[in-house]
Amino acid sequence: MKELVIWAFMSVGLSNILTREFVFEWWRKWVEKTFPYNNTFNYLVNCIVCTGFWCGIATSFFFPTISWWWAGFVCSILCKIVATYTEAV
């Protein structure tokens, strides 16, 4: 249970940092400049649910008790909940 909580905080935090925080703003701008006509990449780096799916899968490999195939779905749902809460506050 402790691993699940640590994984959830780690993957949701990583998704939040990649899509919203100032630290990776350069990365989001680089993707927008490099792929100006491909809206898929721009959407993926700015959507917390999409990024959360891939962060959930990537971080699940650090925890052997968490299956990678459901980690992406769970992380994207958690990211949507966190995003909805933080936008409302």
Protein backbone atom coordinates (compact mmCIF):
# COMPACT_ATOMS: atom_id res chain seq x y z
CA MET A 1 0.00 0.00 0.00
CA LYS A 2 2.87 2.34 0.80
CA GLU A 3 4.36 1.77 -2.65
CA LEU A 4 1.06 2.63 -4.30
CA VAL A 5 0.84 5.96 -2.47
CA ILE A 6 4.47 6.82 -3.28
CA TRP A 7 3.91 5.88 -6.92
CA ALA A 8 0.75 7.99 -7.12
CA PHE A 9 2.45 11.09 -5.71
CA MET A 10 5.48 10.58 -7.91
CA SER A 11 3.61 10.10 -11.18
CA VAL A 12 1.02 12.83 -10.59
CA GLY A 13 3.75 15.22 -9.48
CA LEU A 14 5.82 14.47 -12.56
CA SER A 15 2.80 15.02 -14.80
CA ASN A 16 2.05 18.32 -13.11
CA ILE A 17 5.65 19.50 -13.45
CA LEU A 18 5.82 18.58 -17.13
CA THR A 19 2.52 20.20 -18.14
CA ARG A 20 2.10 23.22 -15.87
CA GLU A 21 5.15 24.33 -13.95
CA PHE A 22 7.70 26.96 -14.94
CA VAL A 23 10.58 24.49 -14.76
CA PHE A 24 9.57 22.78 -18.01
CA GLU A 25 8.11 25.78 -19.80
CA TRP A 26 11.16 25.77 -22.09
CA TRP A 27 10.32 22.20 -23.07
CA ARG A 28 6.70 23.03 -23.94
CA LYS A 29 7.82 26.05 -25.99
CA TRP A 30 10.43 23.92 -27.77
CA VAL A 31 7.79 21.35 -28.75
CA GLU A 32 5.48 24.11 -30.02
CA LYS A 33 8.32 25.64 -32.07
CA THR A 34 9.68 22.34 -33.39
CA PHE A 35 6.30 20.89 -34.39
CA PRO A 36 4.24 23.94 -35.42
CA TYR A 37 1.88 22.05 -37.71
CA ASN A 38 1.44 18.97 -35.55
CA ASN A 39 -1.18 19.73 -32.92
CA THR A 40 -0.90 16.23 -31.46
CA PHE A 41 2.47 16.87 -29.84
CA ASN A 42 1.40 20.31 -28.63
CA TYR A 43 -1.72 18.79 -27.10
CA LEU A 44 0.22 15.96 -25.46
CA VAL A 45 2.69 18.23 -23.68
CA ASN A 46 -0.03 20.60 -22.45
CA CYS A 47 -2.68 18.04 -21.45
CA ILE A 48 -2.19 16.73 -17.92
CA VAL A 49 -4.35 13.66 -18.55
CA CYS A 50 -2.39 12.62 -21.66
CA THR A 51 0.97 13.24 -20.02
CA GLY A 52 -0.28 11.53 -16.87
CA PHE A 53 -1.00 8.36 -18.81
CA TRP A 54 2.58 8.12 -20.09
CA CYS A 55 4.11 9.22 -16.77
CA GLY A 56 2.09 6.53 -15.01
CA ILE A 57 3.43 3.87 -17.32
CA ALA A 58 7.01 5.17 -17.10
CA THR A 59 7.06 5.42 -13.31
CA SER A 60 5.44 2.01 -12.81
CA PHE A 61 8.67 0.33 -13.92
CA PHE A 62 10.33 1.59 -10.71
CA PHE A 63 7.79 -0.33 -8.62
CA PRO A 64 7.63 -4.07 -9.43
CA THR A 65 4.33 -4.58 -7.59
CA ILE A 66 2.47 -2.11 -9.85
CA SER A 67 1.34 -3.39 -13.23
CA TRP A 68 2.27 -1.04 -16.04
CA TRP A 69 -0.90 -1.69 -18.06
CA TRP A 70 -3.25 -0.18 -15.47
CA ALA A 71 -0.80 2.39 -14.11
CA GLY A 72 -1.35 4.74 -17.04
CA PHE A 73 -5.10 4.73 -16.65
CA VAL A 74 -5.01 5.21 -12.89
CA CYS A 75 -2.49 8.02 -13.17
CA SER A 76 -4.49 9.84 -15.84
CA ILE A 77 -7.61 9.66 -13.66
CA LEU A 78 -5.69 10.95 -10.64
CA CYS A 79 -4.22 13.75 -12.75
CA LYS A 80 -7.69 14.78 -13.90
CA ILE A 81 -8.89 14.91 -10.29
CA VAL A 82 -5.88 16.97 -9.22
CA ALA A 83 -6.21 19.30 -12.22
CA THR A 84 -9.89 19.87 -11.55
CA TYR A 85 -9.23 20.61 -7.89
CA THR A 86 -6.30 22.96 -8.51
CA GLU A 87 -8.19 24.93 -11.18
CA ALA A 88 -11.14 25.38 -8.81
CA VAL A 89 -8.99 26.73 -5.97
